[in-house]
Structures are given as C-alpha cells and as structure tokens.
Amino acid sequence: MRLAMVSPFPETPNVIRGGVEGVAHSLLVGLRAISDIEVHVVAPSIIHPTGREERDGMTIHWLTPSALPGFIGYWSSFRHMVHRCLKAIHPDITHFQGIGGWTLGYKAPYVFTIHGIAERDILFQGGPLLSLRRNTVAFIERQGRKRSPHTILISPYVAQELGNQLGGKQWYIDNPVTDDFFKVQRTCKELRILYVGRISERKNVLGLIQSFSQLLRHQPSARLLLAGDADDPTYKVRCTERVQELNLDHHVQFLGNIDRPALLDELSRSTCLILVSKQETAPMIVMEAMAASVPVVASNICGLPYMIEDGKTGYLVDPCDEVQIVDRLLKLLSSPALSAQMGEAAREVAYERFHANVIAQKTHAVYREALGL
C-alpha cells in the first residue's frame, strides 16, 4: 500500500512543535511496524525549501506556503500545491490530518482526521480581522467535514460539537503514543509540576502561573516547568512579567520547545502534568504523560473528561478555580504513594487505548475499508 499523509510534520527530527505533528509521527511509526507500507508525507515547512527529504524510510515532500495570509492561503494556493504533489505521488490512499480545507476537490480515495475545532481556537488568538478569519475558516472547515467520505474522530467530544457537520462514515480512534513513552521509568525526587504545550491564551498559562503562586504557600519547594513555544510573543512577555511580579523566578522555568529525549526525561522526573486549558480536544501530551505513568491534572472541559478518569488516573478541575487546582495539585505533591498509584492506573489505560500499534491497526482497517478491500 502506498500511503500519502498530508499533515504538519516535525521539520527537525525529534522536535515536535504541535499535537498534530506528534500524531502524524507516532501513527507512521505504528503503521510501519504492522504493515508493509510505502510512506509519503506532504507537509508545510517554513525552514525547508520546497523539495524532498528521505528520513527513517519514508519520503517527506516539503511545501513552502505562499505569501497569502494563512486563513486564505491554506485552502487556496497551498491546497493546490498539495494536490499537485499528491498527483505526482499517486498514492493508493491519502490521509489528511487536521485540516479540512486541504481535502476540498480531492478526487482520489482519502481519510480525514479531525483534530480540533479550528474556528474556536482562532478566538483565543486575537489579532486583526478576527471575525473575518474566524468566519472564513469556519466556512471552509465545514465544507471539508461535510464532504469527507471517511472521517476519523479522536474523541466523542468532536461528534458532540460537530455532529451535524459530519458527512460520510465516521470512526472513533484515539491518537497514538509510541512505545518510548511506555518505557519511561519515573525517578521523581523533587516536587516538579510539568506543563507542555503552546504558551498561549487558549492554554491558560497565565492562569496556571497564578494558581502556582498560591500553591507555593503550602509547598514552597515546588517547581513549575513550562515547555513549549509561544503562539504570540506578547503573551509570553505577559507570562514572564507575571512570574517576576509574583517573585516566582526561582520556582518557574520556561524551557522553550524541547525535543523528544528531553520530554521523556522531564516526564520521568515529574510529580504530575498540569493542563488547565480553556479549549482542548484530545491533547497528545495528556496521553504521553499517562503512558509514562505521570498523573494528570487537567481541565474538566471539552474532550479531556473522555481521557482522564477523575480520582483514578488524574484529576479534572475547573480551569478558572484556583482553589480547586491548588487542592488537587497538593494531593499529588504531598503523597508520593498516591502519585504512583494514579500513574500506574493511567499507564494501564494508556496501553489499552493509546499505544501506537493499537491505533495503527485500527487506522489501517479504515484505509482498507476506504479502498474497498
């Protein structure tokens, strides 16, 4: 089978800058482990010129987006570039990850995975022409969702929110986690709270910093590690200024974007993962932390309650309730036994639901059905 995956993809090996990049990478690892598949990746790039790269037994076709604004270019000029590339590859099946606008007008067999609700995410980005950007993306993505003949949903939350926009046949398939996360051995000797994600309003990093400042009144030796790049540099500045205002310089560290080995190391030394976002679907880092036996404290909204069993594999909290966030963090920080117990329960769930080989088997079955095999 010749597979073309159209998706954001790690431009530098082992450096993953977003959830969809992580999904694409992990899924391809799983697919290549279970089947003889010729893999082609078609991906946008800001550091690679348009061209091909051979990496880990697959061919990556880098495409440089046009100078058009992103909310216009992704479904117009860039979509045409993608389709021309796919015509040259001539795959048996194409898998579009995350962006419905790329699928419009594509005639060959394909599968489309919905990873989030882009028009809602835009509302947290701010910037000029917000209403125009939101409405344009909403219209384009709705067309992609309705016209897709085979759609993978990564969470029941997606169907709950977009049910009347979905056409064709749908499957529920979780995102995949590679085996290296399941092999992590926790050796946490300090009270380390780890955040991994974009430094952004949607991720509520300012709210997290404020909650952490209250936590220190009870656990003055705790540390907060923030791993990820900023969507908006001005928001990152606000976060760093808030850290200084609250005199947290010695307790909060911005790690920037970290590579895969560094992430595995951070998970091994973390007491828990924290994610108090205002909007999420099925974040990869939650599944990766669970696979690494790290309990998760996360928002009780959107797709997160479908991932975490409150009180068993982690805690679900109101992202705006500082008292509740601090209380749940203190439970884990003050009881290594509870942290270990929840972490092991999380790993068991992750192995059954999220292991890349399990997800690859399910996805490969969708490919075969889409091809009528």
Protein backbone atom coordinates (compact mmCIF):
# COMPACT_ATOMS: atom_id res chain seq x y z
CA MET A 1 0.00 0.00 0.00
CA ARG A 2 1.29 3.45 -0.90
CA LEU A 3 0.18 5.97 1.71
CA ALA A 4 0.38 9.74 1.50
CA MET A 5 -0.13 11.56 4.79
CA VAL A 6 -0.87 15.27 4.46
CA SER A 7 -0.11 16.83 7.80
CA PRO A 8 2.05 19.21 9.79
CA PHE A 9 5.18 17.17 10.47
CA PRO A 10 8.35 17.63 12.57
CA GLU A 11 10.67 19.76 10.47
CA THR A 12 13.59 18.73 12.66
CA PRO A 13 13.82 15.08 13.80
CA ASN A 14 12.71 14.59 17.43
CA VAL A 15 11.46 18.20 17.73
CA ILE A 16 7.67 18.22 17.71
CA ARG A 17 6.05 21.64 17.81
CA GLY A 18 2.37 20.70 18.00
CA GLY A 19 -0.10 17.93 18.68
CA VAL A 20 -0.90 17.10 15.07
CA GLU A 21 2.82 16.80 14.26
CA GLY A 22 3.10 14.33 17.12
CA VAL A 23 0.10 12.34 15.94
CA ALA A 24 1.40 12.05 12.39
CA HIS A 25 4.84 10.95 13.58
CA SER A 26 3.52 8.41 16.09
CA LEU A 27 0.93 6.97 13.71
CA LEU A 28 3.51 6.41 10.99
CA VAL A 29 5.76 4.64 13.50
CA GLY A 30 2.88 2.31 14.32
CA LEU A 31 1.79 1.76 10.72
CA ARG A 32 5.29 0.88 9.55
CA ALA A 33 5.56 -1.63 12.42
CA ILE A 34 2.43 -3.55 11.43
CA SER A 35 2.35 -3.38 7.65
CA ASP A 36 4.50 -3.10 4.54
CA ILE A 37 3.53 0.46 3.65
CA GLU A 38 5.33 2.86 1.35
CA VAL A 39 5.04 6.15 3.21
CA HIS A 40 5.00 9.64 1.73
CA VAL A 41 4.44 12.72 3.91
CA VAL A 42 3.26 16.01 2.41
CA ALA A 43 3.86 18.82 4.86
CA PRO A 44 4.14 22.61 5.08
CA SER A 45 7.54 24.00 6.05
CA ILE A 46 8.95 27.36 6.98
CA ILE A 47 12.57 26.16 7.24
CA HIS A 48 12.83 23.67 4.36
CA PRO A 49 12.62 24.80 0.74
CA THR A 50 10.06 23.02 -1.40
CA GLY A 51 11.55 19.62 -2.15
CA ARG A 52 12.01 16.06 -0.89
CA GLU A 53 13.75 14.57 2.12
CA GLU A 54 14.35 10.90 2.87
CA ARG A 55 14.01 10.22 6.59
CA ASP A 56 13.57 6.98 8.53
CA GLY A 57 12.48 5.01 5.48
CA MET A 58 9.87 7.49 4.27
CA THR A 59 9.79 10.34 1.78
CA ILE A 60 8.84 13.78 3.05
CA HIS A 61 7.65 16.31 0.49
CA TRP A 62 8.14 19.79 1.97
CA LEU A 63 5.97 22.59 0.59
CA THR A 64 6.57 26.27 1.30
CA PRO A 65 3.28 28.14 1.82
CA SER A 66 2.60 31.20 -0.30
CA ALA A 67 2.73 34.75 0.99
CA LEU A 68 -1.06 34.88 1.28
CA PRO A 69 -2.48 35.28 4.81
CA GLY A 70 -2.78 31.86 6.42
CA PHE A 71 -6.57 31.85 6.73
CA ILE A 72 -6.80 32.39 2.95
CA GLY A 73 -3.73 30.61 1.64
CA TYR A 74 -4.15 27.26 3.38
CA TRP A 75 -7.30 26.32 1.41
CA SER A 76 -6.43 28.10 -1.83
CA SER A 77 -2.84 28.32 -3.08
CA PHE A 78 -1.41 25.81 -0.60
CA ARG A 79 -4.20 23.31 -1.25
CA HIS A 80 -3.39 23.42 -4.98
CA MET A 81 0.28 22.75 -4.18
CA VAL A 82 -0.72 19.76 -2.04
CA HIS A 83 -2.95 18.31 -4.74
CA ARG A 84 -0.27 18.67 -7.41
CA CYS A 85 2.17 16.88 -5.15
CA LEU A 86 -0.33 14.09 -4.46
CA LYS A 87 -0.94 13.67 -8.17
CA ALA A 88 2.79 13.06 -8.66
CA ILE A 89 2.94 10.60 -5.73
CA HIS A 90 -0.19 8.76 -6.92
CA PRO A 91 -0.96 7.11 -3.55
CA ASP A 92 -3.41 4.28 -3.03
CA ILE A 93 -4.84 6.16 -0.04
CA THR A 94 -4.32 9.67 1.31
CA HIS A 95 -4.74 10.58 4.97
CA PHE A 96 -5.41 14.28 5.67
CA GLN A 97 -4.62 15.21 9.26
CA GLY A 98 -6.47 18.02 10.96
CA ILE A 99 -7.25 20.48 8.15
CA GLY A 100 -10.43 20.02 6.15
CA GLY A 101 -9.59 22.83 3.74
CA TRP A 102 -6.84 20.68 2.24
CA THR A 103 -9.33 17.99 1.20
CA LEU A 104 -11.62 20.18 -0.94
CA GLY A 105 -11.80 18.98 -4.52
CA TYR A 106 -9.62 15.91 -3.93
CA LYS A 107 -10.99 13.04 -6.02
CA ALA A 108 -8.81 10.05 -5.08
CA PRO A 109 -9.57 7.83 -2.03
CA TYR A 110 -8.85 9.57 1.25
CA VAL A 111 -9.42 9.58 5.00
CA PHE A 112 -9.71 12.75 7.07
CA THR A 113 -8.96 13.03 10.81
CA ILE A 114 -10.49 15.93 12.71
CA HIS A 115 -8.14 17.03 15.48
CA GLY A 116 -9.84 20.16 16.75
CA ILE A 117 -12.31 22.92 16.05
CA ALA A 118 -10.13 25.48 14.30
CA GLU A 119 -12.69 28.28 14.24
CA ARG A 120 -12.92 28.14 18.04
CA ASP A 121 -9.17 28.07 18.51
CA ILE A 122 -8.90 31.28 16.48
CA LEU A 123 -10.98 33.12 19.07
CA PHE A 124 -8.12 32.75 21.57
CA GLN A 125 -5.51 34.07 19.15
CA GLY A 126 -6.72 37.66 18.88
CA GLY A 127 -5.08 39.86 16.24
CA PRO A 128 -6.53 41.79 13.31
CA LEU A 129 -9.54 40.71 11.24
CA LEU A 130 -10.58 38.23 13.93
CA SER A 131 -14.20 37.95 12.80
CA LEU A 132 -13.23 37.57 9.14
CA ARG A 133 -10.60 34.94 9.94
CA ARG A 134 -12.96 33.00 12.15
CA ASN A 135 -15.85 33.05 9.68
CA THR A 136 -13.66 32.13 6.71
CA VAL A 137 -12.07 29.18 8.50
CA ALA A 138 -15.45 28.05 9.85
CA PHE A 139 -16.96 28.02 6.35
CA ILE A 140 -14.03 26.19 4.74
CA GLU A 141 -13.67 23.60 7.51
CA ARG A 142 -17.40 22.87 7.46
CA GLN A 143 -17.17 22.11 3.76
CA GLY A 144 -14.28 19.73 4.39
CA ARG A 145 -16.11 17.97 7.22
CA LYS A 146 -19.33 17.53 5.26
CA ARG A 147 -17.65 16.25 2.11
CA SER A 148 -15.29 13.75 3.71
CA PRO A 149 -16.35 10.17 2.83
CA HIS A 150 -14.29 8.62 5.66
CA THR A 151 -13.71 10.61 8.85
CA ILE A 152 -11.75 9.64 11.96
CA LEU A 153 -12.84 11.34 15.20
CA ILE A 154 -10.27 11.36 18.00
CA SER A 155 -12.84 11.99 20.73
CA PRO A 156 -16.60 11.75 21.26
CA TYR A 157 -16.36 15.46 22.01
CA VAL A 158 -15.81 16.10 18.30
CA ALA A 159 -19.08 14.38 17.36
CA GLN A 160 -20.85 16.15 20.21
CA GLU A 161 -19.80 19.54 18.88
CA LEU A 162 -19.79 18.92 15.12
CA GLY A 163 -22.34 16.15 14.60
CA ASN A 164 -24.47 18.00 12.06
CA GLN A 165 -21.36 18.94 10.07
CA LEU A 166 -20.12 15.40 9.53
CA GLY A 167 -20.76 13.55 6.30
CA GLY A 168 -19.84 10.05 5.18
CA LYS A 169 -18.80 7.32 7.60
CA GLN A 170 -17.12 8.04 10.94
CA TRP A 171 -14.82 6.08 13.24
CA TYR A 172 -13.68 6.83 16.78
CA ILE A 173 -9.92 6.26 17.01
CA ASP A 174 -7.74 7.76 19.73
CA ASN A 175 -4.44 9.44 18.96
CA PRO A 176 -1.34 7.17 19.11
CA VAL A 177 1.54 7.12 21.59
CA THR A 178 4.84 5.45 20.71
CA ASP A 179 6.49 2.78 22.81
CA ASP A 180 9.25 5.02 24.20
CA PHE A 181 6.74 6.79 26.47
CA PHE A 182 5.60 3.47 27.96
CA LYS A 183 9.23 2.65 28.79
CA VAL A 184 9.76 5.76 30.92
CA GLN A 185 10.89 4.95 34.46
CA ARG A 186 9.80 7.61 36.93
CA THR A 187 12.55 8.78 39.26
CA CYS A 188 11.00 11.98 40.60
CA LYS A 189 12.89 13.18 43.68
CA GLU A 190 11.65 16.78 43.64
CA LEU A 191 8.19 18.34 43.55
CA ARG A 192 8.12 19.10 39.83
CA ILE A 193 4.94 20.14 38.03
CA LEU A 194 5.28 19.90 34.26
CA TYR A 195 3.35 21.83 31.62
CA VAL A 196 3.84 21.01 27.93
CA GLY A 197 2.09 22.98 25.20
CA ARG A 198 1.96 26.30 23.48
CA ILE A 199 2.41 29.40 25.63
CA SER A 200 -0.95 30.88 24.73
CA GLU A 201 -4.22 32.31 25.95
CA ARG A 202 -6.07 29.13 24.92
CA LYS A 203 -3.76 27.09 27.14
CA ASN A 204 -4.39 29.48 30.06
CA VAL A 205 -0.73 29.71 31.03
CA LEU A 206 -1.26 32.98 32.91
CA GLY A 207 -3.97 31.31 34.97
CA LEU A 208 -1.63 28.38 35.65
CA ILE A 209 1.10 30.74 36.89
CA GLN A 210 -1.36 32.47 39.20
CA SER A 211 -2.57 29.15 40.63
CA PHE A 212 1.02 28.00 41.13
CA SER A 213 1.78 31.15 43.14
CA GLN A 214 -0.99 30.13 45.56
CA LEU A 215 0.33 26.56 45.70
CA LEU A 216 3.72 27.78 46.92
CA ARG A 217 2.13 28.99 50.15
CA HIS A 218 1.59 25.33 51.01
CA GLN A 219 4.52 23.68 49.16
CA PRO A 220 7.36 26.24 48.97
CA SER A 221 9.75 23.70 47.43
CA ALA A 222 7.55 23.03 44.37
CA ARG A 223 8.72 23.95 40.87
CA LEU A 224 6.77 24.63 37.69
CA LEU A 225 8.40 23.70 34.36
CA LEU A 226 6.81 25.25 31.25
CA ALA A 227 7.80 23.55 27.98
CA GLY A 228 6.68 24.98 24.66
CA ASP A 229 6.90 27.86 22.22
CA ALA A 230 4.76 30.98 22.27
CA ASP A 231 1.94 31.49 19.75
CA ASP A 232 2.05 35.20 20.45
CA PRO A 233 5.29 36.77 21.73
CA THR A 234 3.33 39.43 23.61
CA TYR A 235 1.52 36.75 25.60
CA LYS A 236 4.84 35.15 26.51
CA VAL A 237 6.06 38.55 27.72
CA ARG A 238 2.95 38.88 29.89
CA CYS A 239 3.69 35.45 31.38
CA THR A 240 7.32 36.24 32.16
CA GLU A 241 6.36 39.60 33.65
CA ARG A 242 3.75 37.92 35.84
CA VAL A 243 6.36 35.45 37.09
CA GLN A 244 8.56 38.40 38.09
CA GLU A 245 5.70 40.32 39.71
CA LEU A 246 4.86 37.30 41.87
CA ASN A 247 8.55 36.71 42.75
CA LEU A 248 8.48 33.25 41.20
CA ASP A 249 11.77 33.48 39.30
CA HIS A 250 13.38 30.70 41.35
CA HIS A 251 10.34 28.42 41.09
CA VAL A 252 9.18 28.77 37.47
CA GLN A 253 11.30 27.88 34.46
CA PHE A 254 10.47 28.40 30.79
CA LEU A 255 12.10 25.50 28.93
CA GLY A 256 11.13 26.54 25.39
CA ASN A 257 10.37 23.87 22.84
CA ILE A 258 12.10 20.64 23.89
CA ASP A 259 12.97 17.62 21.78
CA ARG A 260 11.68 14.09 22.31
CA PRO A 261 14.54 12.82 24.53
CA ALA A 262 14.24 15.91 26.74
CA LEU A 263 10.47 15.42 27.03
CA LEU A 264 10.93 11.81 28.09
CA ASP A 265 13.46 12.94 30.70
CA GLU A 266 11.15 15.66 32.03
CA LEU A 267 8.27 13.18 32.34
CA SER A 268 10.49 10.74 34.24
CA ARG A 269 11.23 13.44 36.84
CA SER A 270 7.75 14.96 37.15
CA THR A 271 5.32 14.54 40.01
CA CYS A 272 2.43 15.36 37.70
CA LEU A 273 1.42 17.05 34.45
CA ILE A 274 -0.78 20.15 34.55
CA LEU A 275 -3.02 21.37 31.72
CA VAL A 276 -5.72 23.90 32.62
CA SER A 277 -6.64 24.94 29.08
CA LYS A 278 -9.77 26.81 28.07
CA GLN A 279 -10.26 24.71 24.90
CA GLU A 280 -8.92 21.23 24.09
CA THR A 281 -9.92 18.20 22.06
CA ALA A 282 -7.54 15.32 22.83
CA PRO A 283 -4.06 16.70 23.57
CA MET A 284 -1.16 14.37 22.84
CA ILE A 285 0.74 15.35 25.96
CA VAL A 286 -2.03 14.00 28.20
CA MET A 287 -1.81 10.58 26.54
CA GLU A 288 2.00 10.67 26.58
CA ALA A 289 2.05 11.54 30.29
CA MET A 290 -0.41 8.74 31.05
CA ALA A 291 1.78 6.30 29.11
CA ALA A 292 4.76 7.44 31.19
CA SER A 293 2.85 6.80 34.46
CA VAL A 294 2.55 10.52 35.20
CA PRO A 295 -0.82 11.54 36.72
CA VAL A 296 -2.51 14.47 35.02
CA VAL A 297 -4.38 17.44 36.47
CA ALA A 298 -6.44 18.87 33.62
CA SER A 299 -9.47 20.99 32.79
CA ASN A 300 -12.89 19.38 33.16
CA ILE A 301 -14.00 20.67 29.75
CA CYS A 302 -14.21 19.68 26.08
CA GLY A 303 -12.52 16.35 25.29
CA LEU A 304 -10.45 15.99 28.47
CA PRO A 305 -13.11 14.14 30.54
CA TYR A 306 -13.08 11.42 27.86
CA MET A 307 -9.37 10.86 28.56
CA ILE A 308 -8.99 11.15 32.33
CA GLU A 309 -10.98 9.32 34.99
CA ASP A 310 -11.24 11.81 37.82
CA GLY A 311 -9.68 10.49 41.01
CA LYS A 312 -8.26 7.37 39.35
CA THR A 313 -5.86 8.33 36.54
CA GLY A 314 -5.68 12.01 37.45
CA TYR A 315 -7.87 14.92 38.44
CA LEU A 316 -10.30 17.08 36.48
CA VAL A 317 -10.59 20.69 37.60
CA ASP A 318 -12.37 23.90 36.71
CA PRO A 319 -9.65 25.83 34.81
CA CYS A 320 -10.82 29.06 36.44
CA ASP A 321 -10.96 27.74 40.01
CA GLU A 322 -7.59 28.40 41.67
CA VAL A 323 -8.66 26.79 44.94
CA GLN A 324 -9.61 23.54 43.24
CA ILE A 325 -6.46 23.46 41.11
CA VAL A 326 -4.24 24.01 44.15
CA ASP A 327 -6.12 21.40 46.18
CA ARG A 328 -5.68 18.67 43.54
CA LEU A 329 -2.03 19.50 42.98
CA LEU A 330 -1.39 19.37 46.72
CA LYS A 331 -2.92 15.91 46.94
CA LEU A 332 -0.34 14.62 44.46
CA LEU A 333 2.60 16.64 45.74
CA SER A 334 2.04 15.58 49.34
CA SER A 335 1.57 11.86 48.65
CA PRO A 336 4.17 10.02 46.53
CA ALA A 337 2.13 6.85 47.00
CA LEU A 338 -0.99 8.45 45.53
CA SER A 339 1.01 9.90 42.63
CA ALA A 340 2.50 6.47 41.88
CA GLN A 341 -0.86 4.71 42.19
CA MET A 342 -2.59 7.13 39.82
CA GLY A 343 0.35 6.99 37.43
CA GLU A 344 0.22 3.20 37.18
CA ALA A 345 -3.53 3.28 36.62
CA ALA A 346 -3.00 5.87 33.88
CA ARG A 347 -0.37 3.72 32.16
CA GLU A 348 -2.69 0.69 32.09
CA VAL A 349 -5.43 2.74 30.44
CA ALA A 350 -2.97 4.29 28.00
CA TYR A 351 -1.58 0.92 26.94
CA GLU A 352 -5.06 -0.39 26.11
CA ARG A 353 -6.30 2.78 24.41
CA PHE A 354 -3.39 4.78 23.02
CA HIS A 355 -0.46 2.51 22.12
CA ALA A 356 0.68 3.30 18.56
CA ASN A 357 0.37 -0.32 17.43
CA VAL A 358 -3.25 -0.49 18.62
CA ILE A 359 -4.12 2.78 16.87
CA ALA A 360 -2.23 1.78 13.72
CA GLN A 361 -4.22 -1.45 13.44
CA LYS A 362 -7.50 0.44 13.69
CA THR A 363 -6.38 3.12 11.21
CA HIS A 364 -5.10 0.53 8.73
CA ALA A 365 -8.54 -1.13 8.83
CA VAL A 366 -10.10 2.22 7.91
CA TYR A 367 -7.72 2.54 4.95
CA ARG A 368 -8.70 -0.92 3.73
CA GLU A 369 -12.41 -0.14 4.01
CA ALA A 370 -11.94 3.19 2.21
CA LEU A 371 -10.25 1.24 -0.61
CA GLY A 372 -12.97 -1.42 -0.65
CA LEU A 373 -10.55 -4.20 0.36
